[in-house]
C-alpha cells in the first residue's frame, strides 16, 4: 500500500503526543525511565525499561529508582563535563565488554554533546550509545538539486548494503551527525566532502540554510540493534543548487551510488517506503519550501507542516556562534 506524506511524517515522528491521547501517552511512558543528572532538575531523555534492566550500572555513581522510574547519574557538587563524560564512557565501556547491547556493535568513535536547560553543555556520549539514553542529538541534512528545462531533479544516494543502520535504503544527498563543538554549517560542509566528494569551495559559496526539522523517533528493526529506543533529533536543513556538470560521487563506504531523480520519481520512491524515515521528512520539507507541496494539492498540509517542527520535551541548545 502506498504511503502518504502524512504516513511518512508519522513513521519518523512516531512517539505519541500527550495532547492527542493523554491516557495512551502515559501508558506508553510507563515503558521508560527518565534519564537525569544530579544538579539539574530536568529530564534529559527516556531510557526503555529493557535497557535499564540490562545495563551494568556502577552503583557508586548511578541511582536507579524503579518506583519513580528514573535513572540518575550522581556526581559530586561542582562536577564538570569532563567528569560526567568519563563516568558515562566507563559505563558504556563495560556494556561493550559484556556485549550487552547489539546497538553498540555499531561503535562510531564519535562524541555527541548533551545539554541542560539554557543550552549548558554538560557531557558528551558515544554516538552509537546516544539512543540507549534517549538524549537529543543534532545533525545536518542537505538536498542537492539541479534545475534544467525539464524541472527540478534531486541527487539521491543509496546507502551501502553493509551499513548497520537502514542498509540499502535511499538517503538525502548529504547528511551527518554533529559532534561535540561542531556547528551545523561546518558539519554539512564536512559531510559534503566526505560523503559526496563535493568541492568545499563550491559548497561554502552556494549552500543555503533553510531552517530545521525536529521529531522524536522510536527505532525499529531497520535501525539496527534493539528496538523501542528513543531518538529525539534536531536536523538543520540546507539546499545546494548544483551545476549540471557537478556530479556527486561516493567519498566513503557509506554510499553505494548517486542517482539524479525527477520530483515524480522521488515521490514515487517515497510512497514505496524506500527512504530512511528522517530523510523522507527532509524531502517533504524541501517540497513544501519549494512550492511542490501546497495547501491546494496536499490534503494533510497543515498536519504535515506542524509535525515537521515538534516541540521537544527535553533541553536543547542554540548553535548560534558567539
Protein backbone atom coordinates (compact mmCIF):
# COMPACT_ATOMS: atom_id res chain seq x y z
CA UNK A 1 0.00 0.00 0.00
CA UNK A 2 1.37 3.41 -0.98
CA UNK A 3 2.41 5.68 1.87
CA UNK A 4 1.04 9.22 2.02
CA UNK A 5 3.19 12.17 3.01
CA UNK A 6 1.50 12.20 6.42
CA UNK A 7 2.21 8.47 6.80
CA UNK A 8 5.89 9.21 6.23
CA UNK A 9 5.84 12.00 8.83
CA UNK A 10 4.19 9.71 11.37
CA UNK A 11 6.71 6.95 10.63
CA UNK A 12 9.56 9.27 11.63
CA UNK A 13 7.91 11.34 14.36
CA UNK A 14 6.30 8.28 15.94
CA UNK A 15 6.48 8.94 19.69
CA UNK A 16 2.95 9.68 20.97
CA UNK A 17 1.74 13.21 21.66
CA UNK A 18 0.29 13.91 25.10
CA UNK A 19 -2.33 16.23 23.63
CA UNK A 20 -3.68 13.55 21.28
CA UNK A 21 -4.43 10.86 23.88
CA UNK A 22 -3.29 11.52 27.43
CA UNK A 23 -4.07 8.02 28.69
CA UNK A 24 -2.21 6.33 25.83
CA UNK A 25 0.74 8.70 26.22
CA UNK A 26 1.01 7.96 29.95
CA UNK A 27 0.70 4.21 29.39
CA UNK A 28 3.45 4.33 26.77
CA UNK A 29 5.73 6.39 29.02
CA UNK A 30 5.48 3.69 31.68
CA UNK A 31 7.80 1.64 29.46
CA UNK A 32 10.60 4.17 30.03
CA UNK A 33 12.71 5.64 32.83
CA UNK A 34 13.57 9.34 32.85
CA UNK A 35 17.32 9.95 32.48
CA UNK A 36 18.67 12.68 34.75
CA UNK A 37 21.95 14.09 36.02
CA UNK A 38 22.37 15.24 39.61
CA UNK A 39 22.33 19.01 39.99
CA UNK A 40 19.84 19.51 37.14
CA UNK A 41 16.09 19.37 37.60
CA UNK A 42 15.33 18.21 34.08
CA UNK A 43 14.73 15.02 32.14
CA UNK A 44 17.46 14.69 29.51
CA UNK A 45 15.97 11.67 27.76
CA UNK A 46 13.98 8.47 28.24
CA UNK A 47 15.54 5.00 28.61
CA UNK A 48 13.40 2.00 27.74
CA UNK A 49 12.92 -0.40 30.66
CA UNK A 50 14.66 -3.33 28.93
CA UNK A 51 17.82 -1.20 28.68
CA UNK A 52 17.54 -0.11 32.32
CA UNK A 53 17.29 -3.76 33.37
CA UNK A 54 20.28 -4.90 31.30
CA UNK A 55 22.78 -2.05 31.71
CA UNK A 56 25.69 -2.82 34.10
CA UNK A 57 25.18 0.37 36.14
CA UNK A 58 28.08 1.06 38.56
CA UNK A 59 26.26 1.66 41.85
CA UNK A 60 28.81 4.18 43.08
CA UNK A 61 27.61 6.82 40.62
CA UNK A 62 24.24 5.65 39.29
CA UNK A 63 20.93 5.69 41.14
CA UNK A 64 18.08 3.61 39.71
CA UNK A 65 14.65 4.37 41.20
CA UNK A 66 12.21 1.77 39.87
CA UNK A 67 9.23 3.32 41.64
CA UNK A 68 9.83 6.85 40.36
CA UNK A 69 11.11 5.41 37.04
CA UNK A 70 14.30 7.45 36.99
CA UNK A 71 17.94 6.74 36.18
CA UNK A 72 20.26 9.40 37.63
CA UNK A 73 23.97 9.95 37.12
CA UNK A 74 25.09 11.07 40.58
CA UNK A 75 28.21 13.22 40.77
CA UNK A 76 29.76 15.44 43.44
CA UNK A 77 28.82 19.10 43.59
CA UNK A 78 30.97 21.04 41.18
CA UNK A 79 31.34 18.15 38.71
CA UNK A 80 32.33 19.31 35.24
CA UNK A 81 31.52 17.94 31.75
CA UNK A 82 34.80 16.04 31.63
CA UNK A 83 33.97 14.05 34.78
CA UNK A 84 30.41 13.29 33.69
CA UNK A 85 31.65 12.23 30.24
CA UNK A 86 34.25 9.95 31.86
CA UNK A 87 31.70 8.22 34.09
CA UNK A 88 29.27 7.70 31.22
CA UNK A 89 32.05 6.41 28.98
CA UNK A 90 33.09 3.91 31.68
CA UNK A 91 29.50 2.69 32.00
CA UNK A 92 29.12 2.26 28.25
CA UNK A 93 32.55 0.65 28.03
CA UNK A 94 31.53 -2.05 30.50
CA UNK A 95 28.40 -2.74 28.43
CA UNK A 96 30.61 -3.15 25.37
CA UNK A 97 32.88 -5.60 27.21
CA UNK A 98 29.87 -7.65 28.29
CA UNK A 99 28.32 -7.40 24.79
CA UNK A 100 25.10 -6.27 26.43
CA UNK A 101 23.61 -4.33 23.52
CA UNK A 102 23.57 -5.03 19.81
CA UNK A 103 23.43 -1.31 19.01
CA UNK A 104 26.90 -0.78 20.50
CA UNK A 105 28.40 -3.05 17.84
CA UNK A 106 27.98 -0.07 15.55
CA UNK A 107 30.55 1.90 17.57
CA UNK A 108 31.38 5.10 15.71
CA UNK A 109 34.08 6.63 17.90
CA UNK A 110 32.25 9.95 17.55
CA UNK A 111 31.05 12.00 20.50
CA UNK A 112 27.68 13.76 20.69
CA UNK A 113 27.09 16.66 23.09
CA UNK A 114 24.26 16.69 25.64
CA UNK A 115 22.84 19.92 27.04
CA UNK A 116 21.00 21.03 30.17
CA UNK A 117 18.33 23.76 30.25
CA UNK A 118 19.61 27.02 28.85
CA UNK A 119 21.89 25.21 26.42
CA UNK A 120 24.57 24.44 29.00
CA UNK A 121 26.89 21.70 27.74
CA UNK A 122 27.14 19.07 30.48
CA UNK A 123 28.68 15.94 28.92
CA UNK A 124 29.33 14.05 25.71
CA UNK A 125 28.41 10.50 24.77
CA UNK A 126 29.48 7.95 22.15
CA UNK A 127 27.23 8.34 19.11
CA UNK A 128 26.08 4.71 18.98
CA UNK A 129 25.06 4.85 22.66
CA UNK A 130 23.01 8.05 22.49
CA UNK A 131 19.82 6.19 21.60
CA UNK A 132 20.20 3.95 24.68
CA UNK A 133 19.78 7.06 26.83
CA UNK A 134 17.20 8.77 24.59
CA UNK A 135 19.01 12.11 24.59
CA UNK A 136 18.55 14.81 21.94
CA UNK A 137 21.06 14.61 19.10
CA UNK A 138 21.79 17.06 16.30
CA UNK A 139 22.57 16.68 12.63
CA UNK A 140 22.60 18.46 9.28
CA UNK A 141 20.96 17.37 6.02
CA UNK A 142 21.46 18.83 2.57
CA UNK A 143 19.40 18.39 -0.58
CA UNK A 144 21.46 18.79 -3.72
CA UNK A 145 19.42 19.58 -6.80
CA UNK A 146 19.71 20.55 -10.45
CA UNK A 147 17.40 22.89 -12.34
CA UNK A 148 17.08 22.09 -16.04
CA UNK A 149 14.42 22.69 -18.73
CA UNK A 150 12.57 19.59 -17.56
CA UNK A 151 12.32 20.90 -13.98
CA UNK A 152 13.98 20.22 -10.64
CA UNK A 153 15.93 16.99 -10.20
CA UNK A 154 17.42 15.70 -6.96
CA UNK A 155 20.67 13.88 -6.28
CA UNK A 156 19.62 10.81 -4.27
CA UNK A 157 22.16 8.36 -2.79
CA UNK A 158 21.59 4.74 -1.85
CA UNK A 159 23.05 3.66 1.47
CA UNK A 160 25.60 0.87 1.45
CA UNK A 161 24.15 -2.61 1.87
CA UNK A 162 26.56 -3.37 4.73
CA UNK A 163 25.61 -0.36 6.90
CA UNK A 164 24.33 -1.33 10.32
CA UNK A 165 21.52 1.23 10.13
CA UNK A 166 18.95 1.26 7.31
CA UNK A 167 21.10 -0.66 4.81
CA UNK A 168 20.36 -0.12 1.09
CA UNK A 169 17.69 2.49 1.77
CA UNK A 170 17.61 5.86 0.00
CA UNK A 171 19.01 8.94 1.70
CA UNK A 172 19.36 12.69 1.41
CA UNK A 173 22.17 13.96 -0.82
CA UNK A 174 24.35 14.61 2.22
CA UNK A 175 23.63 14.06 5.91
CA UNK A 176 25.55 13.61 9.13
CA UNK A 177 25.56 13.96 12.88
CA UNK A 178 27.08 16.94 14.69
CA UNK A 179 29.92 16.08 17.04
CA UNK A 180 30.82 17.95 20.22
CA UNK A 181 31.79 21.54 19.45
CA UNK A 182 30.68 21.36 15.82
CA UNK A 183 28.33 23.92 14.25
CA UNK A 184 25.67 22.98 11.67
CA UNK A 185 27.31 24.74 8.72
CA UNK A 186 30.73 23.20 9.31
CA UNK A 187 29.10 19.80 9.77
CA UNK A 188 27.35 19.90 6.39
CA UNK A 189 30.48 21.19 4.62
CA UNK A 190 32.49 18.31 6.09
CA UNK A 191 29.86 15.73 5.20
CA UNK A 192 29.50 17.08 1.64
CA UNK A 193 33.19 16.41 1.06
CA UNK A 194 33.27 13.05 2.86
CA UNK A 195 30.07 11.53 1.51
CA UNK A 196 29.58 13.14 -1.91
CA UNK A 197 33.05 14.38 -2.91
CA UNK A 198 31.64 17.87 -3.44
CA UNK A 199 34.25 20.66 -3.64
CA UNK A 200 34.48 22.57 -0.37
CA UNK A 201 34.74 25.93 -2.16
CA UNK A 202 31.51 25.35 -4.09
CA UNK A 203 29.62 24.16 -1.04
CA UNK A 204 30.70 27.13 1.06
CA UNK A 205 29.85 29.60 -1.70
CA UNK A 206 26.45 28.24 -2.74
CA UNK A 207 24.80 26.28 0.07
CA UNK A 208 21.77 27.90 1.72
CA UNK A 209 20.49 27.35 5.27
CA UNK A 210 16.76 26.54 5.18
CA UNK A 211 15.77 26.01 8.81
CA UNK A 212 15.44 22.77 10.72
CA UNK A 213 13.09 19.89 11.42
CA UNK A 214 12.53 18.24 14.80
CA UNK A 215 10.97 14.93 15.78
CA UNK A 216 11.09 12.08 18.28
CA UNK A 217 11.68 8.75 16.60
CA UNK A 218 11.16 5.30 18.11
CA UNK A 219 13.66 2.95 16.49
CA UNK A 220 12.51 -0.21 14.74
CA UNK A 221 14.50 -3.18 13.40
CA UNK A 222 15.69 -1.28 10.32
CA UNK A 223 17.80 0.98 12.55
CA UNK A 224 19.89 -1.99 13.66
CA UNK A 225 20.07 -3.35 17.19
CA UNK A 226 17.49 -3.00 19.94
CA UNK A 227 14.03 -1.66 19.11
CA UNK A 228 11.96 0.84 21.08
CA UNK A 229 14.92 3.14 21.72
CA UNK A 230 14.13 6.85 21.51
CA UNK A 231 15.85 9.31 19.17
CA UNK A 232 14.71 12.90 19.67
CA UNK A 233 16.56 14.84 16.98
CA UNK A 234 17.16 18.29 15.57
CA UNK A 235 18.16 18.28 11.91
CA UNK A 236 19.44 21.51 10.35
CA UNK A 237 18.36 21.72 6.72
CA UNK A 238 20.34 23.02 3.74
CA UNK A 239 19.79 23.31 -0.02
CA UNK A 240 22.51 23.31 -2.64
CA UNK A 241 21.71 24.11 -6.27
CA UNK A 242 24.36 22.37 -8.36
CA UNK A 243 25.52 23.00 -11.89
CA UNK A 244 24.63 20.01 -14.10
CA UNK A 245 28.35 19.43 -14.64
CA UNK A 246 28.86 18.72 -10.90
CA UNK A 247 28.16 15.07 -10.18
CA UNK A 248 28.27 13.80 -6.56
CA UNK A 249 30.39 10.67 -6.11
CA UNK A 250 30.68 8.39 -3.07
CA UNK A 251 33.59 9.59 -0.97
CA UNK A 252 33.43 6.87 1.67
CA UNK A 253 31.98 3.41 2.21
CA UNK A 254 28.58 4.65 3.42
CA UNK A 255 27.07 5.31 -0.02
CA UNK A 256 26.82 2.90 -2.95
CA UNK A 257 25.76 5.32 -5.68
CA UNK A 258 24.06 8.60 -6.51
CA UNK A 259 21.18 8.92 -8.96
CA UNK A 260 19.59 12.07 -10.35
CA UNK A 261 15.82 11.65 -9.89
CA UNK A 262 12.95 13.83 -11.00
CA UNK A 263 10.46 15.08 -8.42
CA UNK A 264 7.89 12.49 -9.53
CA UNK A 265 10.46 9.68 -9.34
CA UNK A 266 11.45 10.82 -5.85
CA UNK A 267 7.82 10.99 -4.74
CA UNK A 268 7.18 7.51 -6.09
CA UNK A 269 10.15 6.16 -4.12
CA UNK A 270 8.85 7.93 -1.01
CA UNK A 271 5.40 6.38 -1.42
CA UNK A 272 7.03 2.95 -1.69
CA UNK A 273 8.83 3.49 1.61
CA UNK A 274 12.32 3.33 0.10
CA UNK A 275 13.76 6.26 2.09
CA UNK A 276 15.26 6.23 5.56
CA UNK A 277 12.49 7.71 7.75
CA UNK A 278 14.15 11.01 8.71
CA UNK A 279 15.40 11.50 5.14
CA UNK A 280 11.84 11.17 3.90
CA UNK A 281 10.68 14.08 6.03
CA UNK A 282 13.62 16.25 4.97
CA UNK A 283 12.46 15.78 1.38
CA UNK A 284 8.86 16.60 2.31
CA UNK A 285 10.18 19.79 3.92
CA UNK A 286 12.03 20.56 0.66
CA UNK A 287 8.83 20.04 -1.35
CA UNK A 288 6.93 22.45 0.91
CA UNK A 289 9.60 25.14 0.80
CA UNK A 290 9.86 24.93 -2.99
CA UNK A 291 6.09 25.08 -3.56
CA UNK A 292 5.85 21.49 -4.79
CA UNK A 293 3.56 20.52 -1.91
CA UNK A 294 0.93 23.15 -1.19
CA UNK A 295 -2.32 23.59 0.69
CA UNK A 296 -4.08 23.15 -2.65
CA UNK A 297 -2.59 19.76 -3.59
CA UNK A 298 -1.90 18.12 -0.19
CA UNK A 299 -4.97 17.35 1.95
CA UNK A 300 -2.84 16.87 5.11
CA UNK A 301 -0.83 20.06 4.58
CA UNK A 302 -1.43 21.67 8.00
CA UNK A 303 -0.73 18.47 9.93
CA UNK A 304 2.43 17.86 7.92
CA UNK A 305 3.83 21.36 8.45
CA UNK A 306 3.14 21.17 12.19
CA UNK A 307 4.66 17.70 12.58
CA UNK A 308 7.88 18.76 10.88
CA UNK A 309 8.60 21.01 13.87
CA UNK A 310 7.88 19.05 17.03
CA UNK A 311 8.41 20.89 20.30
CA UNK A 312 10.88 18.57 22.01
CA UNK A 313 10.31 17.68 25.66
CA UNK A 314 13.99 17.86 26.56
CA UNK A 315 16.60 20.62 26.89
CA UNK A 316 18.01 21.78 23.57
CA UNK A 317 20.85 24.11 22.60
CA UNK A 318 21.22 27.05 20.26
CA UNK A 319 24.15 26.67 17.90
CA UNK A 320 24.47 30.41 17.44
CA UNK A 321 28.11 31.41 17.02
CA UNK A 322 29.06 33.85 19.78
